[in-house]
């Protein structure tokens, strides 16, 4: 049986998000949109969030709200330039 790759996967990959990260996301309960998977949380791009004066990742996590965000070369460069963002870096 062949499984189709979702359109969002192709789109996010074309935006520079690694297949490894996307595969983990797809395999997680984040991608289960059925009613049997109750959860709360949000997706955000922390670099874009700053531009629009929205709460930080740290603000959400301090309230125990799960946060998912992309990790691209742009995000890596931001952390290299601004060490205070290092806590957002995914584990190796």
Protein backbone atom coordinates (compact mmCIF):
# COMPACT_ATOMS: atom_id res chain seq x y z
CA UNK A 1 0.00 0.00 0.00
CA UNK A 2 1.43 3.36 -1.03
CA UNK A 3 1.07 6.36 1.25
CA UNK A 4 0.67 9.78 -0.34
CA UNK A 5 2.88 12.59 0.91
CA UNK A 6 0.68 15.46 2.08
CA UNK A 7 0.70 18.74 0.15
CA UNK A 8 1.83 20.65 3.24
CA UNK A 9 4.95 18.45 3.41
CA UNK A 10 5.99 19.44 -0.13
CA UNK A 11 5.19 23.09 0.52
CA UNK A 12 7.18 23.30 3.76
CA UNK A 13 10.08 21.42 2.20
CA UNK A 14 10.14 23.97 -0.65
CA UNK A 15 10.37 26.70 2.02
CA UNK A 16 13.61 25.22 3.34
CA UNK A 17 12.37 23.02 6.19
CA UNK A 18 14.29 19.74 6.37
CA UNK A 19 12.64 16.46 5.40
CA UNK A 20 13.94 14.97 8.65
CA UNK A 21 12.02 17.51 10.76
CA UNK A 22 8.92 17.23 8.58
CA UNK A 23 8.96 13.43 8.79
CA UNK A 24 9.07 13.65 12.59
CA UNK A 25 6.19 16.09 12.55
CA UNK A 26 4.13 13.88 10.25
CA UNK A 27 4.73 10.84 12.48
CA UNK A 28 3.70 12.70 15.64
CA UNK A 29 0.23 13.22 17.05
CA UNK A 30 0.49 16.81 15.80
CA UNK A 31 -0.73 15.52 12.44
CA UNK A 32 -3.66 13.60 13.89
CA UNK A 33 -6.57 15.99 13.48
CA UNK A 34 -9.21 13.56 14.71
CA UNK A 35 -11.26 14.12 17.84
CA UNK A 36 -9.46 11.23 19.57
CA UNK A 37 -6.33 13.39 19.84
CA UNK A 38 -7.12 16.24 22.24
CA UNK A 39 -4.41 18.85 22.51
CA UNK A 40 -3.56 22.52 22.58
CA UNK A 41 -0.57 24.23 21.07
CA UNK A 42 0.53 26.36 18.20
CA UNK A 43 2.83 26.59 15.24
CA UNK A 44 4.82 29.77 14.84
CA UNK A 45 7.93 31.10 13.21
CA UNK A 46 9.73 32.83 16.07
CA UNK A 47 11.57 35.17 13.68
CA UNK A 48 8.30 36.33 12.13
CA UNK A 49 6.65 36.49 15.55
CA UNK A 50 9.16 39.12 16.67
CA UNK A 51 8.36 41.32 13.65
CA UNK A 52 4.68 41.42 14.56
CA UNK A 53 5.12 42.05 18.30
CA UNK A 54 3.46 38.77 19.26
CA UNK A 55 4.36 36.83 22.41
CA UNK A 56 7.64 34.92 22.38
CA UNK A 57 8.11 31.15 22.43
CA UNK A 58 9.21 31.52 26.05
CA UNK A 59 5.95 33.27 26.97
CA UNK A 60 3.88 30.41 25.55
CA UNK A 61 6.01 27.67 27.11
CA UNK A 62 5.93 29.41 30.51
CA UNK A 63 2.16 28.84 30.34
CA UNK A 64 2.70 25.17 29.36
CA UNK A 65 1.48 25.73 25.79
CA UNK A 66 3.37 23.44 23.37
CA UNK A 67 5.03 25.32 20.53
CA UNK A 68 6.26 23.96 17.22
CA UNK A 69 8.40 26.04 14.90
CA UNK A 70 10.52 25.51 11.80
CA UNK A 71 14.28 25.28 11.91
CA UNK A 72 15.94 26.47 8.71
CA UNK A 73 19.32 27.93 7.83
CA UNK A 74 17.79 31.36 8.48
CA UNK A 75 16.91 30.34 12.06
CA UNK A 76 20.38 28.88 12.61
CA UNK A 77 21.99 32.14 11.46
CA UNK A 78 19.72 34.13 13.77
CA UNK A 79 20.87 32.03 16.74
CA UNK A 80 24.50 32.47 15.75
CA UNK A 81 24.01 36.25 15.65
CA UNK A 82 21.83 36.38 18.77
CA UNK A 83 22.96 33.85 21.41
CA UNK A 84 19.92 34.66 23.59
CA UNK A 85 17.90 32.58 21.09
CA UNK A 86 20.08 29.47 21.61
CA UNK A 87 17.43 27.88 23.87
CA UNK A 88 15.26 27.48 20.75
CA UNK A 89 17.84 25.41 18.89
CA UNK A 90 16.78 21.79 18.42
CA UNK A 91 18.96 19.08 19.95
CA UNK A 92 21.66 17.62 17.67
